[in-house]
Amino acid sequence: MALPESFERLASLFRKMPGVGAKSARRMAFYVLQQPPSFADELARVLAALKERVHNCSICGNITDDDPCSICSDPLRDRKVLCVVETVEDLFSIEHAGVFSGVYQVLGGRESPLDGETLDGKVLEALCTRIENDGIEEVIIATNPRIEGDLTYHALVDYLGAGAASLSRIAYGLPVGGSIEFADRTTLQAAMESRVRVKGAQ
């Protein structure tokens, strides 16, 4: 059965979203079709406003409709500690967890030779300038625990190594509530390397 072209175009757009397959895309398109016209009108307005008003913060790269973003303009943030993340999604995950009270820098990319991706030189230069001008004392590199994250981490260390700020990387290992018997070799190795000394040798 052939579906209307406009319907297929909408489903095709939904299918481009992360984690959305063909069946889910058609279900979403049917949902939009079944709503009153006001729903589609509001959806169109919201999407247009999203592209017109939302942009990257000129300081950290976070998404915002005001510049600077709410994090950079928050006077209660610890401006001596900077957390460097790969994407805005990573920033939001850390913020949602409520485990960090400093400021951020979004790289907007990663080191991935196989995919032809590399860190933007302008972003690295801006990061270095920010660390120096803002008197950053510690840079926490929060890259993802995979090969690309490791390459990105090492690229940042090579680039920032000569600076005055101390560099650290978030630890990886066994999840809270997890079991050692079900952990893979990479996770166990990360847990061992990220171990914390609780008592010195006698």
N, C-alpha and C. Protein backbone atom coordinates (compact mmCIF):
# COMPACT_ATOMS: atom_id res chain seq x y z
N MET A 1 0.85 -1.20 0.00
CA MET A 1 0.00 0.00 0.00
C MET A 1 0.88 1.25 0.00
N ALA A 2 0.61 2.13 -0.94
CA ALA A 2 1.38 3.37 -1.05
C ALA A 2 0.78 4.42 -0.13
N LEU A 3 1.62 5.04 0.66
CA LEU A 3 1.19 6.10 1.56
C LEU A 3 1.41 7.45 0.89
N PRO A 4 0.67 8.49 1.30
CA PRO A 4 0.84 9.82 0.69
C PRO A 4 2.29 10.30 0.79
N GLU A 5 2.72 11.04 -0.23
CA GLU A 5 4.12 11.48 -0.29
C GLU A 5 4.48 12.35 0.91
N SER A 6 3.59 13.27 1.31
CA SER A 6 3.88 14.14 2.45
C SER A 6 4.04 13.34 3.73
N PHE A 7 3.25 12.28 3.87
CA PHE A 7 3.38 11.40 5.04
C PHE A 7 4.73 10.69 5.02
N GLU A 8 5.12 10.17 3.87
CA GLU A 8 6.40 9.46 3.75
C GLU A 8 7.57 10.40 4.02
N ARG A 9 7.44 11.65 3.60
CA ARG A 9 8.52 12.62 3.84
C ARG A 9 8.67 12.90 5.33
N LEU A 10 7.53 13.02 6.03
CA LEU A 10 7.57 13.24 7.48
C LEU A 10 8.19 12.04 8.18
N ALA A 11 7.76 10.83 7.81
CA ALA A 11 8.31 9.61 8.41
C ALA A 11 9.81 9.51 8.13
N SER A 12 10.22 9.92 6.93
CA SER A 12 11.64 9.88 6.57
C SER A 12 12.46 10.83 7.45
N LEU A 13 11.89 11.99 7.77
CA LEU A 13 12.58 12.93 8.66
C LEU A 13 12.70 12.36 10.07
N PHE A 14 11.62 11.77 10.57
CA PHE A 14 11.66 11.15 11.89
C PHE A 14 12.69 10.03 11.94
N ARG A 15 12.83 9.30 10.82
CA ARG A 15 13.75 8.17 10.78
C ARG A 15 15.21 8.62 10.90
N LYS A 16 15.49 9.87 10.60
CA LYS A 16 16.86 10.39 10.70
C LYS A 16 17.26 10.67 12.14
N MET A 17 16.28 10.66 13.05
CA MET A 17 16.58 10.92 14.46
C MET A 17 17.27 9.71 15.09
N PRO A 18 18.17 9.93 16.05
CA PRO A 18 18.90 8.82 16.69
C PRO A 18 17.96 7.83 17.35
N GLY A 19 18.17 6.55 17.09
CA GLY A 19 17.41 5.50 17.74
C GLY A 19 16.01 5.28 17.21
N VAL A 20 15.65 5.96 16.12
CA VAL A 20 14.32 5.82 15.54
C VAL A 20 14.40 4.98 14.28
N GLY A 21 13.72 3.83 14.29
CA GLY A 21 13.67 2.98 13.12
C GLY A 21 12.48 3.31 12.23
N ALA A 22 12.32 2.54 11.14
CA ALA A 22 11.26 2.81 10.18
C ALA A 22 9.88 2.67 10.81
N LYS A 23 9.68 1.64 11.62
CA LYS A 23 8.36 1.42 12.23
C LYS A 23 8.03 2.53 13.22
N SER A 24 9.00 2.92 14.04
CA SER A 24 8.76 4.01 15.01
C SER A 24 8.51 5.32 14.29
N ALA A 25 9.22 5.55 13.20
CA ALA A 25 9.06 6.79 12.43
C ALA A 25 7.64 6.88 11.86
N ARG A 26 7.13 5.76 11.33
CA ARG A 26 5.77 5.75 10.80
C ARG A 26 4.74 5.97 11.91
N ARG A 27 5.02 5.38 13.09
CA ARG A 27 4.10 5.54 14.23
C ARG A 27 4.06 7.01 14.66
N MET A 28 5.21 7.67 14.68
CA MET A 28 5.26 9.08 15.04
C MET A 28 4.53 9.94 14.00
N ALA A 29 4.70 9.60 12.73
CA ALA A 29 4.02 10.34 11.67
C ALA A 29 2.51 10.17 11.77
N PHE A 30 2.05 8.94 12.05
CA PHE A 30 0.62 8.70 12.24
C PHE A 30 0.09 9.49 13.44
N TYR A 31 0.91 9.60 14.49
CA TYR A 31 0.48 10.35 15.68
C TYR A 31 0.26 11.81 15.32
N VAL A 32 1.20 12.40 14.57
CA VAL A 32 1.05 13.80 14.17
C VAL A 32 -0.19 13.97 13.32
N LEU A 33 -0.42 13.01 12.42
CA LEU A 33 -1.57 13.08 11.52
C LEU A 33 -2.90 13.02 12.27
N GLN A 34 -2.91 12.28 13.37
CA GLN A 34 -4.15 12.09 14.13
C GLN A 34 -4.47 13.24 15.09
N GLN A 35 -3.52 14.14 15.28
CA GLN A 35 -3.75 15.27 16.19
C GLN A 35 -4.51 16.38 15.48
N PRO A 36 -5.13 17.28 16.24
CA PRO A 36 -5.81 18.42 15.63
C PRO A 36 -4.81 19.34 14.92
N PRO A 37 -5.27 20.12 13.95
CA PRO A 37 -4.35 21.00 13.20
C PRO A 37 -3.50 21.90 14.09
N SER A 38 -4.03 22.29 15.25
CA SER A 38 -3.29 23.17 16.14
C SER A 38 -1.98 22.53 16.61
N PHE A 39 -1.97 21.19 16.72
CA PHE A 39 -0.75 20.49 17.15
C PHE A 39 0.35 20.65 16.12
N ALA A 40 0.03 20.43 14.86
CA ALA A 40 1.02 20.57 13.78
C ALA A 40 1.49 22.01 13.67
N ASP A 41 0.57 22.96 13.86
CA ASP A 41 0.94 24.38 13.79
C ASP A 41 1.94 24.73 14.89
N GLU A 42 1.64 24.26 16.12
CA GLU A 42 2.54 24.54 17.24
C GLU A 42 3.89 23.86 17.05
N LEU A 43 3.86 22.61 16.54
CA LEU A 43 5.10 21.89 16.29
C LEU A 43 5.97 22.64 15.29
N ALA A 44 5.35 23.16 14.24
CA ALA A 44 6.08 23.91 13.22
C ALA A 44 6.68 25.18 13.82
N ARG A 45 5.89 25.87 14.66
CA ARG A 45 6.39 27.11 15.29
C ARG A 45 7.55 26.83 16.23
N VAL A 46 7.44 25.74 17.01
CA VAL A 46 8.50 25.39 17.97
C VAL A 46 9.79 25.04 17.23
N LEU A 47 9.67 24.27 16.14
CA LEU A 47 10.85 23.89 15.37
C LEU A 47 11.51 25.11 14.74
N ALA A 48 10.69 26.03 14.22
CA ALA A 48 11.24 27.24 13.62
C ALA A 48 11.95 28.10 14.66
N ALA A 49 11.32 28.23 15.84
CA ALA A 49 11.92 29.02 16.92
C ALA A 49 13.20 28.37 17.42
N LEU A 50 13.22 27.04 17.43
CA LEU A 50 14.41 26.30 17.89
C LEU A 50 15.61 26.66 17.03
N LYS A 51 15.42 26.66 15.72
CA LYS A 51 16.52 26.96 14.82
C LYS A 51 16.88 28.44 14.81
N GLU A 52 15.91 29.30 15.09
CA GLU A 52 16.15 30.74 15.05
C GLU A 52 16.79 31.26 16.34
N ARG A 53 16.33 30.73 17.48
CA ARG A 53 16.74 31.30 18.77
C ARG A 53 17.84 30.54 19.49
N VAL A 54 17.86 29.22 19.34
CA VAL A 54 18.84 28.42 20.08
C VAL A 54 20.17 28.41 19.34
N HIS A 55 21.23 28.72 20.07
CA HIS A 55 22.57 28.76 19.49
C HIS A 55 23.57 28.32 20.55
N ASN A 56 24.82 28.26 20.18
CA ASN A 56 25.86 27.87 21.12
C ASN A 56 26.33 29.05 21.94
N CYS A 57 26.54 28.81 23.22
CA CYS A 57 27.09 29.84 24.11
C CYS A 57 28.46 30.26 23.60
N SER A 58 28.71 31.55 23.57
CA SER A 58 29.98 32.05 23.05
C SER A 58 31.16 31.74 23.97
N ILE A 59 30.85 31.34 25.22
CA ILE A 59 31.92 31.03 26.18
C ILE A 59 32.23 29.55 26.22
N CYS A 60 31.20 28.73 26.43
CA CYS A 60 31.44 27.30 26.68
C CYS A 60 30.97 26.36 25.57
N GLY A 61 30.11 26.84 24.67
CA GLY A 61 29.62 25.98 23.60
C GLY A 61 28.33 25.26 23.92
N ASN A 62 27.77 25.48 25.11
CA ASN A 62 26.49 24.90 25.49
C ASN A 62 25.39 25.51 24.61
N ILE A 63 24.25 24.81 24.48
CA ILE A 63 23.15 25.41 23.73
C ILE A 63 22.36 26.34 24.65
N THR A 64 21.90 27.44 24.08
CA THR A 64 21.21 28.45 24.88
C THR A 64 20.41 29.38 23.99
N ASP A 65 19.43 30.07 24.57
CA ASP A 65 18.75 31.13 23.82
C ASP A 65 19.15 32.49 24.37
N ASP A 66 20.04 32.50 25.36
CA ASP A 66 20.64 33.73 25.88
C ASP A 66 22.15 33.55 25.90
N ASP A 67 22.87 34.62 25.70
CA ASP A 67 24.33 34.54 25.68
C ASP A 67 24.91 35.50 26.70
N PRO A 68 25.68 35.02 27.68
CA PRO A 68 26.10 33.63 27.88
C PRO A 68 24.97 32.75 28.42
N CYS A 69 25.24 31.44 28.45
CA CYS A 69 24.23 30.50 28.90
C CYS A 69 24.03 30.61 30.42
N SER A 70 23.02 29.90 30.92
CA SER A 70 22.67 29.98 32.34
C SER A 70 23.79 29.48 33.24
N ILE A 71 24.60 28.54 32.76
CA ILE A 71 25.70 28.02 33.58
C ILE A 71 26.82 29.04 33.66
N CYS A 72 27.21 29.59 32.52
CA CYS A 72 28.30 30.57 32.50
C CYS A 72 27.94 31.86 33.24
N SER A 73 26.65 32.19 33.28
CA SER A 73 26.24 33.43 33.95
C SER A 73 25.85 33.22 35.41
N ASP A 74 25.94 31.98 35.89
CA ASP A 74 25.58 31.68 37.29
C ASP A 74 26.73 32.09 38.22
N PRO A 75 26.51 33.06 39.10
CA PRO A 75 27.59 33.54 39.97
C PRO A 75 28.00 32.52 41.04
N LEU A 76 27.21 31.48 41.24
CA LEU A 76 27.51 30.50 42.27
C LEU A 76 28.41 29.36 41.77
N ARG A 77 28.70 29.32 40.47
CA ARG A 77 29.54 28.25 39.94
C ARG A 77 31.00 28.49 40.32
N ASP A 78 31.73 27.40 40.52
CA ASP A 78 33.15 27.47 40.82
C ASP A 78 33.90 27.68 39.50
N ARG A 79 34.38 28.88 39.28
CA ARG A 79 35.00 29.22 38.00
C ARG A 79 36.48 28.86 37.93
N LYS A 80 36.99 28.20 38.96
CA LYS A 80 38.38 27.75 38.95
C LYS A 80 38.51 26.32 38.43
N VAL A 81 37.37 25.63 38.30
CA VAL A 81 37.38 24.23 37.84
C VAL A 81 36.58 24.13 36.55
N LEU A 82 37.22 23.62 35.51
CA LEU A 82 36.61 23.53 34.19
C LEU A 82 36.51 22.07 33.76
N CYS A 83 35.30 21.66 33.38
CA CYS A 83 35.07 20.29 32.91
C CYS A 83 34.93 20.32 31.38
N VAL A 84 35.79 19.59 30.70
CA VAL A 84 35.77 19.55 29.24
C VAL A 84 35.02 18.30 28.79
N VAL A 85 33.98 18.48 27.98
CA VAL A 85 33.17 17.36 27.49
C VAL A 85 33.16 17.36 25.97
N GLU A 86 32.79 16.20 25.40
CA GLU A 86 32.75 16.09 23.95
C GLU A 86 31.53 16.77 23.36
N THR A 87 30.36 16.56 23.97
CA THR A 87 29.11 17.06 23.40
C THR A 87 28.25 17.76 24.45
N VAL A 88 27.25 18.48 23.97
CA VAL A 88 26.29 19.12 24.87
C VAL A 88 25.51 18.07 25.64
N GLU A 89 25.25 16.91 25.00
CA GLU A 89 24.54 15.83 25.68
C GLU A 89 25.32 15.36 26.91
N ASP A 90 26.65 15.30 26.79
CA ASP A 90 27.48 14.91 27.94
C ASP A 90 27.36 15.94 29.05
N LEU A 91 27.36 17.21 28.68
CA LEU A 91 27.21 18.29 29.66
C LEU A 91 25.90 18.13 30.43
N PHE A 92 24.82 17.89 29.71
CA PHE A 92 23.52 17.77 30.37
C PHE A 92 23.46 16.54 31.27
N SER A 93 24.13 15.47 30.89
CA SER A 93 24.13 14.27 31.73
C SER A 93 24.82 14.56 33.06
N ILE A 94 25.94 15.26 33.02
CA ILE A 94 26.67 15.59 34.24
C ILE A 94 25.86 16.57 35.09
N GLU A 95 25.26 17.56 34.43
CA GLU A 95 24.43 18.53 35.15
C GLU A 95 23.23 17.85 35.82
N HIS A 96 22.60 16.95 35.09
CA HIS A 96 21.42 16.26 35.62
C HIS A 96 21.78 15.42 36.83
N ALA A 97 23.00 14.86 36.84
CA ALA A 97 23.44 14.05 37.97
C ALA A 97 23.73 14.91 39.20
N GLY A 98 23.98 16.20 38.99
CA GLY A 98 24.24 17.11 40.11
C GLY A 98 25.55 16.84 40.83
N VAL A 99 26.57 16.37 40.09
CA VAL A 99 27.83 15.99 40.73
C VAL A 99 28.96 16.98 40.45
N PHE A 100 28.65 18.09 39.77
CA PHE A 100 29.70 19.04 39.41
C PHE A 100 29.17 20.46 39.53
N SER A 101 29.96 21.34 40.14
CA SER A 101 29.50 22.71 40.36
C SER A 101 30.41 23.74 39.69
N GLY A 102 31.31 23.27 38.84
CA GLY A 102 32.19 24.19 38.13
C GLY A 102 31.58 24.65 36.82
N VAL A 103 32.44 25.00 35.88
CA VAL A 103 31.98 25.45 34.56
C VAL A 103 32.45 24.44 33.50
N TYR A 104 31.95 24.59 32.29
CA TYR A 104 32.18 23.60 31.24
C TYR A 104 32.82 24.21 30.00
N GLN A 105 33.36 23.29 29.19
CA GLN A 105 33.75 23.63 27.83
C GLN A 105 33.35 22.46 26.95
N VAL A 106 32.54 22.73 25.93
CA VAL A 106 32.08 21.69 25.00
C VAL A 106 32.99 21.69 23.78
N LEU A 107 33.61 20.54 23.50
CA LEU A 107 34.51 20.44 22.36
C LEU A 107 33.75 20.45 21.03
N GLY A 108 32.56 19.83 21.04
CA GLY A 108 31.80 19.75 19.80
C GLY A 108 32.42 18.82 18.78
N GLY A 109 33.26 17.91 19.25
CA GLY A 109 33.93 16.97 18.35
C GLY A 109 34.79 16.01 19.15
N ARG A 110 35.53 15.18 18.43
CA ARG A 110 36.39 14.19 19.06
C ARG A 110 37.48 13.78 18.10
N GLU A 111 38.44 13.03 18.61
CA GLU A 111 39.49 12.46 17.78
C GLU A 111 39.05 11.06 17.35
N SER A 112 38.85 10.86 16.07
CA SER A 112 38.45 9.56 15.54
C SER A 112 39.02 9.41 14.13
N PRO A 113 40.27 8.96 14.02
CA PRO A 113 40.91 8.83 12.70
C PRO A 113 40.14 7.96 11.72
N LEU A 114 39.51 6.89 12.21
CA LEU A 114 38.77 6.00 11.32
C LEU A 114 37.56 6.69 10.68
N ASP A 115 36.99 7.66 11.41
CA ASP A 115 35.83 8.39 10.89
C ASP A 115 36.23 9.72 10.26
N GLY A 116 37.53 9.99 10.23
CA GLY A 116 38.00 11.24 9.66
C GLY A 116 37.68 12.45 10.51
N GLU A 117 37.49 12.24 11.82
CA GLU A 117 37.16 13.34 12.73
C GLU A 117 38.38 13.75 13.54
N THR A 118 38.49 15.04 13.76
CA THR A 118 39.58 15.56 14.60
C THR A 118 39.08 16.81 15.33
N LEU A 119 39.74 17.16 16.40
CA LEU A 119 39.33 18.33 17.18
C LEU A 119 39.61 19.61 16.40
N ASP A 120 38.68 20.53 16.48
CA ASP A 120 38.81 21.82 15.80
C ASP A 120 39.92 22.64 16.45
N GLY A 121 40.88 23.06 15.65
CA GLY A 121 41.98 23.85 16.17
C GLY A 121 41.54 25.14 16.83
N LYS A 122 40.49 25.77 16.30
CA LYS A 122 39.98 27.01 16.88
C LYS A 122 39.39 26.77 18.26
N VAL A 123 38.72 25.61 18.43
CA VAL A 123 38.15 25.28 19.73
C VAL A 123 39.26 25.04 20.75
N LEU A 124 40.31 24.35 20.34
CA LEU A 124 41.44 24.10 21.24
C LEU A 124 42.13 25.41 21.63
N GLU A 125 42.28 26.28 20.66
CA GLU A 125 42.92 27.58 20.93
C GLU A 125 42.07 28.40 21.90
N ALA A 126 40.75 28.39 21.69
CA ALA A 126 39.84 29.13 22.58
C ALA A 126 39.86 28.53 23.98
N LEU A 127 39.96 27.20 24.07
CA LEU A 127 40.03 26.53 25.37
C LEU A 127 41.28 26.94 26.11
N CYS A 128 42.40 26.94 25.41
CA CYS A 128 43.68 27.33 26.03
C CYS A 128 43.63 28.78 26.51
N THR A 129 43.08 29.66 25.70
CA THR A 129 42.97 31.08 26.06
C THR A 129 42.07 31.26 27.27
N ARG A 130 40.97 30.52 27.31
CA ARG A 130 40.04 30.62 28.43
C ARG A 130 40.70 30.17 29.73
N ILE A 131 41.43 29.08 29.68
CA ILE A 131 42.11 28.58 30.87
C ILE A 131 43.08 29.62 31.41
N GLU A 132 43.79 30.24 30.50
CA GLU A 132 44.80 31.23 30.90
C GLU A 132 44.15 32.51 31.40
N ASN A 133 43.18 33.03 30.67
CA ASN A 133 42.56 34.31 31.02
C ASN A 133 41.67 34.24 32.25
N ASP A 134 41.00 33.10 32.45
CA ASP A 134 40.06 32.96 33.57
C ASP A 134 40.71 32.41 34.83
N GLY A 135 42.00 32.13 34.78
CA GLY A 135 42.69 31.62 35.96
C GLY A 135 42.20 30.25 36.39
N ILE A 136 41.89 29.39 35.41
CA ILE A 136 41.43 28.03 35.72
C ILE A 136 42.54 27.28 36.43
N GLU A 137 42.20 26.63 37.54
CA GLU A 137 43.20 25.89 38.32
C GLU A 137 43.18 24.39 38.03
N GLU A 138 42.03 23.85 37.66
CA GLU A 138 41.95 22.43 37.33
C GLU A 138 41.06 22.23 36.11
N VAL A 139 41.54 21.40 35.20
CA VAL A 139 40.77 21.02 34.02
C VAL A 139 40.45 19.53 34.14
N ILE A 140 39.15 19.22 34.23
CA ILE A 140 38.70 17.83 34.30
C ILE A 140 38.28 17.41 32.89
N ILE A 141 38.97 16.43 32.35
CA ILE A 141 38.65 15.95 31.00
C ILE A 141 37.65 14.80 31.14
N ALA A 142 36.43 15.03 30.68
CA ALA A 142 35.36 14.04 30.81
C ALA A 142 35.00 13.49 29.44
N THR A 143 35.94 12.76 28.84
CA THR A 143 35.67 12.11 27.57
C THR A 143 35.10 10.72 27.81
N ASN A 144 34.44 10.18 26.81
CA ASN A 144 33.75 8.91 26.95
C ASN A 144 34.72 7.73 27.01
N PRO A 145 34.35 6.67 27.73
CA PRO A 145 35.24 5.51 27.92
C PRO A 145 35.26 4.57 26.71
N ARG A 146 35.80 5.07 25.62
CA ARG A 146 35.99 4.24 24.43
C ARG A 146 37.24 4.74 23.71
N ILE A 147 37.60 4.08 22.62
CA ILE A 147 38.84 4.41 21.92
C ILE A 147 38.88 5.88 21.52
N GLU A 148 37.77 6.39 20.96
CA GLU A 148 37.75 7.78 20.53
C GLU A 148 37.91 8.73 21.72
N GLY A 149 37.32 8.35 22.85
CA GLY A 149 37.46 9.16 24.06
C GLY A 149 38.89 9.20 24.56
N ASP A 150 39.57 8.04 24.47
CA ASP A 150 40.97 7.98 24.88
C ASP A 150 41.84 8.85 23.97
N LEU A 151 41.59 8.76 22.67
CA LEU A 151 42.37 9.57 21.72
C LEU A 151 42.12 11.06 21.94
N THR A 152 40.88 11.42 22.22
CA THR A 152 40.55 12.82 22.50
C THR A 152 41.23 13.29 23.77
N TYR A 153 41.21 12.43 24.78
CA TYR A 153 41.87 12.75 26.06
C TYR A 153 43.36 13.01 25.85
N HIS A 154 44.04 12.11 25.14
CA HIS A 154 45.48 12.27 24.93
C HIS A 154 45.79 13.50 24.07
N ALA A 155 44.93 13.80 23.12
CA ALA A 155 45.13 14.99 22.30
C ALA A 155 45.03 16.25 23.15
N LEU A 156 44.08 16.26 24.08
CA LEU A 156 43.92 17.41 24.97
C LEU A 156 45.11 17.54 25.92
N VAL A 157 45.58 16.42 26.45
CA VAL A 157 46.73 16.45 27.36
C VAL A 157 47.96 16.97 26.62
N ASP A 158 48.15 16.52 25.38
CA ASP A 158 49.30 17.00 24.59
C ASP A 158 49.20 18.50 24.33
N TYR A 159 47.98 18.96 24.09
CA TYR A 159 47.80 20.37 23.76
C TYR A 159 47.88 21.27 24.99
N LEU A 160 47.34 20.80 26.12
CA LEU A 160 47.25 21.62 27.32
C LEU A 160 48.34 21.33 28.34
N GLY A 161 49.17 20.33 28.08
CA GLY A 161 50.12 19.85 29.07
C GLY A 161 51.05 20.89 29.64
N ALA A 162 51.42 21.88 28.84
CA ALA A 162 52.39 22.87 29.29
C ALA A 162 51.76 24.00 30.09
N GLY A 163 50.44 24.00 30.24
CA GLY A 163 49.76 25.08 30.96
C GLY A 163 49.92 24.99 32.46
N ALA A 164 49.44 26.03 33.14
CA ALA A 164 49.57 26.10 34.59
C ALA A 164 48.49 25.28 35.31
N ALA A 165 47.37 25.05 34.66
CA ALA A 165 46.26 24.33 35.31
C ALA A 165 46.58 22.84 35.42
N SER A 166 46.13 22.23 36.51
CA SER A 166 46.30 20.78 36.66
C SER A 166 45.27 20.08 35.80
N LEU A 167 45.64 18.91 35.27
CA LEU A 167 44.76 18.14 34.40
C LEU A 167 44.37 16.85 35.09
N SER A 168 43.10 16.47 34.96
CA SER A 168 42.64 15.20 35.51
C SER A 168 41.59 14.63 34.56
N ARG A 169 41.32 13.34 34.72
CA ARG A 169 40.29 12.70 33.91
C ARG A 169 39.34 11.97 34.83
N ILE A 170 38.04 12.01 34.52
CA ILE A 170 37.08 11.31 35.36
C ILE A 170 37.40 9.82 35.35
N ALA A 171 37.18 9.17 36.49
CA ALA A 171 37.51 7.75 36.63
C ALA A 171 36.43 6.88 36.01
N TYR A 172 36.86 5.70 35.57
CA TYR A 172 35.93 4.73 35.02
C TYR A 172 36.10 3.41 35.75
N GLY A 173 35.07 2.61 35.77
CA GLY A 173 35.20 1.31 36.42
C GLY A 173 33.85 0.66 36.66
N LEU A 174 33.77 -0.09 37.72
CA LEU A 174 32.54 -0.84 38.02
C LEU A 174 31.42 0.09 38.44
N PRO A 175 30.22 -0.11 37.89
CA PRO A 175 29.09 0.73 38.28
C PRO A 175 28.60 0.37 39.68
N VAL A 176 28.02 1.35 40.37
CA VAL A 176 27.44 1.09 41.68
C VAL A 176 26.30 0.09 41.52
N GLY A 177 26.31 -0.95 42.34
CA GLY A 177 25.28 -1.98 42.26
C GLY A 177 25.61 -3.08 41.27
N GLY A 178 26.77 -2.95 40.58
CA GLY A 178 27.15 -3.97 39.61
C GLY A 178 27.87 -5.13 40.28
N SER A 179 28.19 -6.15 39.48
CA SER A 179 28.87 -7.33 39.98
C SER A 179 30.16 -7.56 39.20
N ILE A 180 31.23 -7.88 39.92
CA ILE A 180 32.51 -8.12 39.28
C ILE A 180 32.42 -9.28 38.28
N GLU A 181 31.65 -10.31 38.63
CA GLU A 181 31.58 -11.50 37.77
C GLU A 181 31.00 -11.20 36.39
N PHE A 182 30.22 -10.13 36.27
CA PHE A 182 29.61 -9.81 34.98
C PHE A 182 30.36 -8.69 34.23
N ALA A 183 31.40 -8.16 34.83
CA ALA A 183 32.14 -7.07 34.20
C ALA A 183 33.08 -7.60 33.12
N ASP A 184 33.23 -6.83 32.05
CA ASP A 184 34.14 -7.24 30.99
C ASP A 184 35.56 -6.81 31.34
N ARG A 185 36.50 -7.26 30.53
CA ARG A 185 37.92 -7.02 30.82
C ARG A 185 38.26 -5.53 30.83
N THR A 186 37.69 -4.77 29.87
CA THR A 186 37.99 -3.34 29.80
C THR A 186 37.51 -2.60 31.03
N THR A 187 36.31 -2.96 31.50
CA THR A 187 35.75 -2.32 32.70
C THR A 187 36.59 -2.64 33.92
N LEU A 188 37.01 -3.90 34.05
CA LEU A 188 37.83 -4.30 35.20
C LEU A 188 39.19 -3.61 35.16
N GLN A 189 39.77 -3.49 33.98
CA GLN A 189 41.05 -2.81 33.87
C GLN A 189 40.92 -1.34 34.28
N ALA A 190 39.83 -0.68 33.82
CA ALA A 190 39.59 0.71 34.19
C ALA A 190 39.39 0.85 35.69
N ALA A 191 38.70 -0.12 36.29
CA ALA A 191 38.47 -0.08 37.74
C ALA A 191 39.79 -0.21 38.50
N MET A 192 40.65 -1.08 38.02
CA MET A 192 41.96 -1.26 38.66
C MET A 192 42.81 0.00 38.53
N GLU A 193 42.83 0.57 37.34
CA GLU A 193 43.66 1.76 37.11
C GLU A 193 43.13 2.99 37.82
N SER A 194 41.82 3.01 38.11
CA SER A 194 41.20 4.17 38.77
C SER A 194 41.05 3.95 40.27
N ARG A 195 41.73 2.94 40.80
CA ARG A 195 41.59 2.63 42.24
C ARG A 195 42.09 3.79 43.08
N VAL A 196 41.50 3.91 44.29
CA VAL A 196 41.85 4.98 45.22
C VAL A 196 42.51 4.39 46.45
N ARG A 197 43.68 4.90 46.81
CA ARG A 197 44.38 4.41 47.99
C ARG A 197 43.67 4.90 49.26
N VAL A 198 43.35 4.00 50.16
CA VAL A 198 42.65 4.37 51.38
C VAL A 198 43.58 4.37 52.60
N LYS A 199 44.75 3.72 52.45
CA LYS A 199 45.70 3.69 53.54
C LYS A 199 47.09 3.43 52.99
N GLY A 200 48.07 4.16 53.47
CA GLY A 200 49.43 3.98 52.99
C GLY A 200 50.08 2.76 53.59
N ALA A 201 51.17 2.35 52.97
CA ALA A 201 51.91 1.19 53.46
C ALA A 201 52.56 1.51 54.80
N GLN A 202 52.58 0.49 55.69
CA GLN A 202 53.15 0.69 57.01
C GLN A 202 54.69 0.63 56.95
